[in-house]
Amino acid sequence: MGKILAYAGLMEGKEVTWMPAYGPEQRGGTANVTVIVSDEKISSPILSRYDTAIVLNQPSLDKFQPKVKPGGSIIFDSFGILEQPTREDINIYKINAMETAAEMKLMKCFNMFVLGGLLKIHPIVSLESVMKALAKTLPERHHHLLPMNEQAILKGMEIIQGK
């Protein structure tokens, strides 16, 4: 999801950084990626506070909720969250991406539902750029999956809910 967002930003001529942390964190920790998409120069790719955080499990919520700037946003899927976000100085959005992906039999597109939700509340790049970025990042042998990814993004735009 982060790589696609970063590519889409580049395609629109924006300033972009993409910093994944996918090492040993994947085995029970908080695998994460920091993506910055801006119309202005980016002074540092390292952030201590975030405008928006997408959290898909409890350890990530516990780690990143305190780091969202006041007035910022947190997007969460309730499937992996035991205790929902509680801050009153941020915008909280819930997306039932896991449940919807299962219902639509699009589990491989789970992240695209979440990306759609993000784009609905923060349209930092266009859907057209996201689809071009998907085509660029997916190996050609998987391009037959592009329509279902677009379907998931569009559905994600529908199902995200503010609290």
N, C-alpha and C. Protein backbone atom coordinates (compact mmCIF):
# COMPACT_ATOMS: atom_id res chain seq x y z
N MET A 1 0.82 -1.18 0.00
CA MET A 1 0.00 0.00 0.00
C MET A 1 0.88 1.26 0.00
N GLY A 2 1.90 1.29 0.84
CA GLY A 2 2.78 2.44 0.91
C GLY A 2 3.54 2.69 -0.37
N LYS A 3 4.03 1.62 -0.97
CA LYS A 3 4.79 1.73 -2.21
C LYS A 3 3.90 2.28 -3.33
N ILE A 4 2.67 1.81 -3.38
CA ILE A 4 1.73 2.27 -4.41
C ILE A 4 1.42 3.75 -4.20
N LEU A 5 1.20 4.15 -2.97
CA LEU A 5 0.94 5.55 -2.65
C LEU A 5 2.13 6.42 -3.05
N ALA A 6 3.34 5.94 -2.75
CA ALA A 6 4.54 6.69 -3.10
C ALA A 6 4.69 6.82 -4.62
N TYR A 7 4.51 5.73 -5.35
CA TYR A 7 4.58 5.79 -6.82
C TYR A 7 3.54 6.75 -7.38
N ALA A 8 2.33 6.70 -6.85
CA ALA A 8 1.27 7.59 -7.33
C ALA A 8 1.66 9.06 -7.12
N GLY A 9 2.25 9.35 -5.97
CA GLY A 9 2.71 10.71 -5.71
C GLY A 9 3.78 11.14 -6.69
N LEU A 10 4.73 10.26 -6.98
CA LEU A 10 5.77 10.57 -7.96
C LEU A 10 5.18 10.85 -9.33
N MET A 11 4.19 10.05 -9.71
CA MET A 11 3.56 10.23 -11.02
C MET A 11 2.85 11.58 -11.14
N GLU A 12 2.47 12.14 -10.01
CA GLU A 12 1.81 13.44 -10.00
C GLU A 12 2.81 14.59 -9.80
N GLY A 13 4.10 14.26 -9.79
CA GLY A 13 5.12 15.29 -9.66
C GLY A 13 5.30 15.81 -8.24
N LYS A 14 4.84 15.06 -7.27
CA LYS A 14 4.97 15.49 -5.88
C LYS A 14 6.31 15.04 -5.30
N GLU A 15 6.68 15.64 -4.20
CA GLU A 15 7.85 15.21 -3.44
C GLU A 15 7.43 14.00 -2.62
N VAL A 16 8.25 12.95 -2.61
CA VAL A 16 7.85 11.70 -1.97
C VAL A 16 9.03 11.06 -1.25
N THR A 17 8.77 10.50 -0.08
CA THR A 17 9.71 9.58 0.56
C THR A 17 8.93 8.33 0.93
N TRP A 18 9.62 7.20 0.93
CA TRP A 18 9.04 5.90 1.27
C TRP A 18 10.08 5.15 2.08
N MET A 19 9.78 4.89 3.34
CA MET A 19 10.74 4.21 4.22
C MET A 19 10.06 3.03 4.91
N PRO A 20 10.25 1.82 4.35
CA PRO A 20 9.64 0.64 4.99
C PRO A 20 10.48 0.13 6.15
N ALA A 21 9.81 -0.47 7.11
CA ALA A 21 10.47 -1.18 8.22
C ALA A 21 9.83 -2.57 8.27
N TYR A 22 10.29 -3.44 7.38
CA TYR A 22 9.67 -4.76 7.22
C TYR A 22 10.58 -5.89 7.65
N GLY A 23 11.50 -5.64 8.54
CA GLY A 23 12.45 -6.67 8.96
C GLY A 23 11.84 -7.63 9.95
N PRO A 24 12.51 -7.84 11.07
CA PRO A 24 12.01 -8.77 12.07
C PRO A 24 10.67 -8.34 12.66
N GLU A 25 10.26 -7.09 12.39
CA GLU A 25 8.98 -6.61 12.89
C GLU A 25 7.83 -7.47 12.38
N GLN A 26 7.98 -8.07 11.21
CA GLN A 26 6.91 -8.86 10.63
C GLN A 26 6.56 -10.06 11.49
N ARG A 27 7.45 -10.51 12.32
CA ARG A 27 7.21 -11.70 13.12
C ARG A 27 6.66 -11.34 14.50
N GLY A 28 5.60 -10.55 14.51
CA GLY A 28 4.93 -10.27 15.78
C GLY A 28 5.07 -8.84 16.27
N GLY A 29 5.83 -8.03 15.58
CA GLY A 29 5.99 -6.64 16.01
C GLY A 29 5.13 -5.71 15.19
N THR A 30 5.63 -4.52 14.94
CA THR A 30 4.86 -3.53 14.20
C THR A 30 5.55 -3.20 12.88
N ALA A 31 5.42 -4.10 11.91
CA ALA A 31 5.93 -3.80 10.58
C ALA A 31 5.23 -2.53 10.11
N ASN A 32 5.99 -1.59 9.57
CA ASN A 32 5.38 -0.33 9.17
C ASN A 32 6.16 0.31 8.05
N VAL A 33 5.54 1.29 7.44
CA VAL A 33 6.19 2.07 6.40
C VAL A 33 5.79 3.53 6.62
N THR A 34 6.74 4.41 6.43
CA THR A 34 6.46 5.84 6.49
C THR A 34 6.48 6.37 5.07
N VAL A 35 5.40 6.98 4.67
CA VAL A 35 5.29 7.59 3.34
C VAL A 35 4.97 9.06 3.54
N ILE A 36 5.74 9.90 2.88
CA ILE A 36 5.46 11.33 2.88
C ILE A 36 5.20 11.73 1.43
N VAL A 37 4.06 12.35 1.19
CA VAL A 37 3.70 12.87 -0.13
C VAL A 37 3.41 14.35 0.09
N SER A 38 4.17 15.21 -0.60
CA SER A 38 4.05 16.65 -0.34
C SER A 38 4.21 17.45 -1.63
N ASP A 39 3.62 18.62 -1.64
CA ASP A 39 3.84 19.56 -2.74
C ASP A 39 5.11 20.38 -2.51
N GLU A 40 5.66 20.30 -1.31
CA GLU A 40 6.85 21.06 -0.94
C GLU A 40 8.03 20.12 -0.72
N LYS A 41 9.23 20.68 -0.68
CA LYS A 41 10.43 19.88 -0.39
C LYS A 41 10.28 19.20 0.96
N ILE A 42 10.78 17.98 1.04
CA ILE A 42 10.74 17.22 2.29
C ILE A 42 12.11 17.34 2.93
N SER A 43 12.15 17.91 4.11
CA SER A 43 13.45 18.15 4.76
C SER A 43 14.04 16.88 5.35
N SER A 44 13.19 15.97 5.83
CA SER A 44 13.69 14.73 6.42
C SER A 44 12.64 13.64 6.26
N PRO A 45 13.06 12.43 5.91
CA PRO A 45 12.10 11.33 5.80
C PRO A 45 11.75 10.71 7.16
N ILE A 46 12.42 11.17 8.19
CA ILE A 46 12.20 10.61 9.53
C ILE A 46 11.25 11.53 10.29
N LEU A 47 10.18 10.95 10.80
CA LEU A 47 9.16 11.72 11.50
C LEU A 47 9.04 11.26 12.95
N SER A 48 8.74 12.20 13.82
CA SER A 48 8.42 11.83 15.20
C SER A 48 6.91 11.95 15.44
N ARG A 49 6.23 12.73 14.59
CA ARG A 49 4.77 12.91 14.68
C ARG A 49 4.19 12.72 13.27
N TYR A 50 3.00 12.16 13.21
CA TYR A 50 2.39 11.81 11.93
C TYR A 50 1.09 12.57 11.72
N ASP A 51 0.82 12.94 10.47
CA ASP A 51 -0.46 13.53 10.11
C ASP A 51 -1.55 12.46 10.12
N THR A 52 -1.21 11.28 9.60
CA THR A 52 -2.15 10.17 9.50
C THR A 52 -1.43 8.87 9.80
N ALA A 53 -2.08 8.00 10.54
CA ALA A 53 -1.55 6.65 10.80
C ALA A 53 -2.64 5.65 10.44
N ILE A 54 -2.23 4.61 9.72
CA ILE A 54 -3.11 3.48 9.43
C ILE A 54 -2.62 2.34 10.29
N VAL A 55 -3.49 1.83 11.15
CA VAL A 55 -3.08 0.76 12.06
C VAL A 55 -3.99 -0.45 11.85
N LEU A 56 -3.38 -1.61 11.75
CA LEU A 56 -4.13 -2.83 11.43
C LEU A 56 -4.01 -3.89 12.50
N ASN A 57 -3.34 -3.56 13.60
CA ASN A 57 -3.27 -4.50 14.73
C ASN A 57 -3.04 -3.71 16.01
N GLN A 58 -3.25 -4.37 17.13
CA GLN A 58 -3.16 -3.68 18.42
C GLN A 58 -1.76 -3.15 18.72
N PRO A 59 -0.69 -3.93 18.46
CA PRO A 59 0.65 -3.37 18.73
C PRO A 59 0.92 -2.09 17.94
N SER A 60 0.44 -2.03 16.70
CA SER A 60 0.64 -0.81 15.90
C SER A 60 -0.18 0.35 16.45
N LEU A 61 -1.40 0.08 16.89
CA LEU A 61 -2.21 1.14 17.49
C LEU A 61 -1.53 1.67 18.75
N ASP A 62 -1.06 0.76 19.59
CA ASP A 62 -0.40 1.17 20.83
C ASP A 62 0.84 2.01 20.55
N LYS A 63 1.58 1.65 19.50
CA LYS A 63 2.82 2.36 19.18
C LYS A 63 2.58 3.70 18.49
N PHE A 64 1.62 3.74 17.55
CA PHE A 64 1.49 4.93 16.70
C PHE A 64 0.40 5.91 17.11
N GLN A 65 -0.60 5.49 17.87
CA GLN A 65 -1.65 6.43 18.28
C GLN A 65 -1.07 7.66 19.00
N PRO A 66 -0.13 7.48 19.93
CA PRO A 66 0.42 8.66 20.60
C PRO A 66 1.24 9.57 19.68
N LYS A 67 1.66 9.06 18.52
CA LYS A 67 2.52 9.83 17.63
C LYS A 67 1.75 10.62 16.56
N VAL A 68 0.42 10.48 16.53
CA VAL A 68 -0.38 11.25 15.58
C VAL A 68 -0.52 12.67 16.10
N LYS A 69 -0.26 13.64 15.22
CA LYS A 69 -0.36 15.05 15.60
C LYS A 69 -1.79 15.40 16.00
N PRO A 70 -1.97 16.30 16.96
CA PRO A 70 -3.32 16.80 17.24
C PRO A 70 -3.94 17.33 15.94
N GLY A 71 -5.17 16.96 15.70
CA GLY A 71 -5.83 17.34 14.45
C GLY A 71 -5.57 16.36 13.33
N GLY A 72 -4.68 15.39 13.56
CA GLY A 72 -4.36 14.38 12.57
C GLY A 72 -5.43 13.30 12.52
N SER A 73 -5.13 12.23 11.81
CA SER A 73 -6.11 11.16 11.62
C SER A 73 -5.50 9.80 11.91
N ILE A 74 -6.34 8.90 12.39
CA ILE A 74 -5.96 7.50 12.54
C ILE A 74 -7.04 6.68 11.86
N ILE A 75 -6.61 5.73 11.05
CA ILE A 75 -7.52 4.81 10.37
C ILE A 75 -7.22 3.43 10.91
N PHE A 76 -8.26 2.71 11.33
CA PHE A 76 -8.02 1.37 11.86
C PHE A 76 -9.07 0.39 11.35
N ASP A 77 -8.64 -0.85 11.24
CA ASP A 77 -9.55 -1.95 10.92
C ASP A 77 -9.82 -2.67 12.22
N SER A 78 -11.06 -2.77 12.61
CA SER A 78 -11.40 -3.33 13.92
C SER A 78 -11.05 -4.80 14.05
N PHE A 79 -10.78 -5.49 12.95
CA PHE A 79 -10.48 -6.92 13.00
C PHE A 79 -9.29 -7.22 13.92
N GLY A 80 -8.23 -6.44 13.83
CA GLY A 80 -7.03 -6.72 14.62
C GLY A 80 -6.87 -5.84 15.84
N ILE A 81 -7.92 -5.10 16.20
CA ILE A 81 -7.83 -4.12 17.28
C ILE A 81 -8.70 -4.55 18.45
N LEU A 82 -8.10 -4.70 19.61
CA LEU A 82 -8.85 -5.07 20.81
C LEU A 82 -9.42 -3.85 21.52
N GLU A 83 -8.60 -2.80 21.63
CA GLU A 83 -9.01 -1.55 22.28
C GLU A 83 -8.96 -0.44 21.24
N GLN A 84 -10.10 0.11 20.89
CA GLN A 84 -10.17 1.11 19.84
C GLN A 84 -9.47 2.41 20.25
N PRO A 85 -9.09 3.22 19.25
CA PRO A 85 -8.44 4.50 19.55
C PRO A 85 -9.31 5.35 20.47
N THR A 86 -8.64 6.09 21.35
CA THR A 86 -9.37 6.85 22.37
C THR A 86 -9.10 8.35 22.36
N ARG A 87 -8.11 8.79 21.61
CA ARG A 87 -7.77 10.21 21.66
C ARG A 87 -8.91 11.08 21.14
N GLU A 88 -9.11 12.20 21.80
CA GLU A 88 -10.18 13.11 21.41
C GLU A 88 -9.67 14.27 20.58
N ASP A 89 -8.34 14.39 20.42
CA ASP A 89 -7.77 15.50 19.67
C ASP A 89 -7.37 15.11 18.25
N ILE A 90 -7.79 13.92 17.81
CA ILE A 90 -7.50 13.47 16.45
C ILE A 90 -8.80 12.97 15.81
N ASN A 91 -8.79 12.85 14.50
CA ASN A 91 -9.91 12.29 13.76
C ASN A 91 -9.73 10.78 13.70
N ILE A 92 -10.74 10.04 14.08
CA ILE A 92 -10.65 8.58 14.12
C ILE A 92 -11.60 8.00 13.08
N TYR A 93 -11.06 7.14 12.23
CA TYR A 93 -11.84 6.50 11.18
C TYR A 93 -11.71 4.99 11.30
N LYS A 94 -12.83 4.32 11.16
CA LYS A 94 -12.86 2.86 11.20
C LYS A 94 -13.20 2.36 9.80
N ILE A 95 -12.49 1.32 9.38
CA ILE A 95 -12.80 0.69 8.10
C ILE A 95 -12.83 -0.82 8.33
N ASN A 96 -13.92 -1.44 7.97
CA ASN A 96 -14.05 -2.90 8.12
C ASN A 96 -13.51 -3.58 6.87
N ALA A 97 -12.24 -3.37 6.60
CA ALA A 97 -11.63 -3.88 5.38
C ALA A 97 -11.52 -5.40 5.39
N MET A 98 -11.11 -5.99 6.49
CA MET A 98 -10.95 -7.44 6.55
C MET A 98 -12.29 -8.14 6.33
N GLU A 99 -13.30 -7.67 7.03
CA GLU A 99 -14.64 -8.25 6.91
C GLU A 99 -15.17 -8.11 5.48
N THR A 100 -15.03 -6.92 4.90
CA THR A 100 -15.52 -6.67 3.55
C THR A 100 -14.74 -7.48 2.53
N ALA A 101 -13.43 -7.56 2.69
CA ALA A 101 -12.60 -8.36 1.78
C ALA A 101 -13.04 -9.82 1.80
N ALA A 102 -13.34 -10.34 2.99
CA ALA A 102 -13.80 -11.73 3.10
C ALA A 102 -15.16 -11.91 2.43
N GLU A 103 -16.08 -10.98 2.67
CA GLU A 103 -17.41 -11.06 2.07
C GLU A 103 -17.35 -11.02 0.55
N MET A 104 -16.46 -10.19 0.01
CA MET A 104 -16.35 -10.04 -1.44
C MET A 104 -15.38 -11.05 -2.06
N LYS A 105 -14.81 -11.90 -1.22
CA LYS A 105 -13.82 -12.89 -1.67
C LYS A 105 -12.64 -12.21 -2.39
N LEU A 106 -12.18 -11.13 -1.77
CA LEU A 106 -11.04 -10.36 -2.29
C LEU A 106 -9.97 -10.20 -1.21
N MET A 107 -9.70 -11.27 -0.48
CA MET A 107 -8.74 -11.18 0.63
C MET A 107 -7.36 -10.71 0.18
N LYS A 108 -6.96 -11.06 -1.04
CA LYS A 108 -5.64 -10.62 -1.51
C LYS A 108 -5.59 -9.11 -1.73
N CYS A 109 -6.75 -8.48 -1.76
CA CYS A 109 -6.83 -7.04 -1.98
C CYS A 109 -7.09 -6.26 -0.70
N PHE A 110 -6.95 -6.91 0.44
CA PHE A 110 -7.26 -6.28 1.73
C PHE A 110 -6.69 -4.87 1.85
N ASN A 111 -5.40 -4.71 1.55
CA ASN A 111 -4.76 -3.40 1.70
C ASN A 111 -5.36 -2.35 0.77
N MET A 112 -5.91 -2.79 -0.36
CA MET A 112 -6.50 -1.84 -1.29
C MET A 112 -7.80 -1.25 -0.75
N PHE A 113 -8.54 -2.02 0.05
CA PHE A 113 -9.72 -1.47 0.72
C PHE A 113 -9.27 -0.33 1.64
N VAL A 114 -8.20 -0.57 2.38
CA VAL A 114 -7.69 0.44 3.31
C VAL A 114 -7.18 1.66 2.55
N LEU A 115 -6.48 1.43 1.45
CA LEU A 115 -5.99 2.54 0.63
C LEU A 115 -7.17 3.37 0.12
N GLY A 116 -8.23 2.72 -0.29
CA GLY A 116 -9.43 3.44 -0.73
C GLY A 116 -9.99 4.31 0.38
N GLY A 117 -10.02 3.78 1.59
CA GLY A 117 -10.50 4.57 2.72
C GLY A 117 -9.63 5.79 2.96
N LEU A 118 -8.32 5.60 2.89
CA LEU A 118 -7.40 6.74 3.04
C LEU A 118 -7.67 7.80 1.98
N LEU A 119 -7.80 7.37 0.73
CA LEU A 119 -8.01 8.33 -0.36
C LEU A 119 -9.33 9.07 -0.23
N LYS A 120 -10.31 8.44 0.38
CA LYS A 120 -11.60 9.11 0.59
C LYS A 120 -11.45 10.28 1.57
N ILE A 121 -10.73 10.05 2.67
CA ILE A 121 -10.64 11.12 3.68
C ILE A 121 -9.48 12.08 3.42
N HIS A 122 -8.45 11.60 2.74
CA HIS A 122 -7.30 12.44 2.40
C HIS A 122 -6.92 12.17 0.94
N PRO A 123 -7.57 12.82 -0.01
CA PRO A 123 -7.29 12.56 -1.43
C PRO A 123 -5.97 13.20 -1.88
N ILE A 124 -4.87 12.67 -1.34
CA ILE A 124 -3.55 13.26 -1.62
C ILE A 124 -3.04 12.92 -3.01
N VAL A 125 -3.57 11.86 -3.60
CA VAL A 125 -3.28 11.49 -4.98
C VAL A 125 -4.59 11.05 -5.62
N SER A 126 -4.63 11.03 -6.94
CA SER A 126 -5.86 10.65 -7.64
C SER A 126 -5.97 9.13 -7.78
N LEU A 127 -7.19 8.67 -7.95
CA LEU A 127 -7.42 7.25 -8.20
C LEU A 127 -6.71 6.82 -9.49
N GLU A 128 -6.72 7.69 -10.48
CA GLU A 128 -6.04 7.39 -11.75
C GLU A 128 -4.54 7.14 -11.51
N SER A 129 -3.91 7.96 -10.71
CA SER A 129 -2.48 7.78 -10.42
C SER A 129 -2.25 6.50 -9.62
N VAL A 130 -3.15 6.18 -8.70
CA VAL A 130 -3.03 4.94 -7.93
C VAL A 130 -3.11 3.74 -8.86
N MET A 131 -4.04 3.77 -9.80
CA MET A 131 -4.17 2.64 -10.73
C MET A 131 -2.94 2.51 -11.62
N LYS A 132 -2.38 3.63 -12.05
CA LYS A 132 -1.14 3.60 -12.83
C LYS A 132 0.01 3.05 -11.99
N ALA A 133 0.05 3.45 -10.72
CA ALA A 133 1.09 2.95 -9.82
C ALA A 133 0.93 1.45 -9.59
N LEU A 134 -0.30 0.99 -9.44
CA LEU A 134 -0.54 -0.45 -9.29
C LEU A 134 -0.04 -1.20 -10.52
N ALA A 135 -0.34 -0.69 -11.70
CA ALA A 135 0.10 -1.33 -12.93
C ALA A 135 1.63 -1.37 -13.00
N LYS A 136 2.27 -0.33 -12.46
CA LYS A 136 3.73 -0.27 -12.49
C LYS A 136 4.35 -1.24 -11.47
N THR A 137 3.72 -1.39 -10.31
CA THR A 137 4.32 -2.21 -9.26
C THR A 137 3.94 -3.69 -9.35
N LEU A 138 2.79 -3.99 -9.93
CA LEU A 138 2.41 -5.40 -10.10
C LEU A 138 3.16 -6.00 -11.28
N PRO A 139 3.73 -7.18 -11.12
CA PRO A 139 4.34 -7.82 -12.29
C PRO A 139 3.29 -8.01 -13.39
N GLU A 140 3.71 -7.93 -14.62
CA GLU A 140 2.77 -8.01 -15.74
C GLU A 140 1.91 -9.27 -15.71
N ARG A 141 2.47 -10.36 -15.21
CA ARG A 141 1.70 -11.61 -15.16
C ARG A 141 0.51 -11.51 -14.20
N HIS A 142 0.50 -10.47 -13.36
CA HIS A 142 -0.61 -10.27 -12.42
C HIS A 142 -1.53 -9.11 -12.81
N HIS A 143 -1.35 -8.56 -13.99
CA HIS A 143 -2.16 -7.42 -14.40
C HIS A 143 -3.65 -7.76 -14.52
N HIS A 144 -3.96 -9.04 -14.63
CA HIS A 144 -5.38 -9.44 -14.65
C HIS A 144 -6.06 -9.14 -13.30
N LEU A 145 -5.25 -8.87 -12.27
CA LEU A 145 -5.78 -8.55 -10.94
C LEU A 145 -6.10 -7.06 -10.77
N LEU A 146 -5.73 -6.24 -11.73
CA LEU A 146 -5.95 -4.79 -11.60
C LEU A 146 -7.42 -4.43 -11.40
N PRO A 147 -8.36 -5.02 -12.15
CA PRO A 147 -9.77 -4.66 -11.93
C PRO A 147 -10.26 -4.97 -10.51
N MET A 148 -9.84 -6.09 -9.95
CA MET A 148 -10.31 -6.40 -8.59
C MET A 148 -9.66 -5.48 -7.57
N ASN A 149 -8.44 -5.04 -7.82
CA ASN A 149 -7.81 -4.07 -6.92
C ASN A 149 -8.54 -2.73 -6.99
N GLU A 150 -8.93 -2.32 -8.19
CA GLU A 150 -9.69 -1.07 -8.33
C GLU A 150 -11.05 -1.20 -7.63
N GLN A 151 -11.68 -2.35 -7.78
CA GLN A 151 -12.96 -2.61 -7.10
C GLN A 151 -12.79 -2.47 -5.59
N ALA A 152 -11.70 -3.01 -5.05
CA ALA A 152 -11.44 -2.94 -3.61
C ALA A 152 -11.20 -1.49 -3.17
N ILE A 153 -10.45 -0.73 -3.95
CA ILE A 153 -10.20 0.68 -3.61
C ILE A 153 -11.52 1.45 -3.57
N LEU A 154 -12.34 1.26 -4.59
CA LEU A 154 -13.62 1.97 -4.64
C LEU A 154 -14.52 1.58 -3.48
N LYS A 155 -14.54 0.30 -3.13
CA LYS A 155 -15.36 -0.15 -2.00
C LYS A 155 -14.82 0.43 -0.69
N GLY A 156 -13.49 0.49 -0.56
CA GLY A 156 -12.89 1.10 0.63
C GLY A 156 -13.31 2.54 0.80
N MET A 157 -13.47 3.26 -0.31
CA MET A 157 -13.94 4.65 -0.25
C MET A 157 -15.37 4.72 0.30
N GLU A 158 -16.14 3.67 0.05
CA GLU A 158 -17.53 3.64 0.52
C GLU A 158 -17.65 3.26 2.00
N ILE A 159 -16.79 2.37 2.47
CA ILE A 159 -17.02 1.76 3.79
C ILE A 159 -16.32 2.44 4.95
N ILE A 160 -15.44 3.39 4.67
CA ILE A 160 -14.75 4.05 5.79
C ILE A 160 -15.75 4.92 6.56
N GLN A 161 -15.62 4.90 7.88
CA GLN A 161 -16.57 5.62 8.75
C GLN A 161 -15.81 6.47 9.76
N GLY A 162 -16.23 7.71 9.89
CA GLY A 162 -15.68 8.57 10.94
C GLY A 162 -16.35 8.27 12.26
N LYS A 163 -15.60 8.50 13.37
CA LYS A 163 -16.20 8.26 14.70
C LYS A 163 -16.55 9.58 15.35
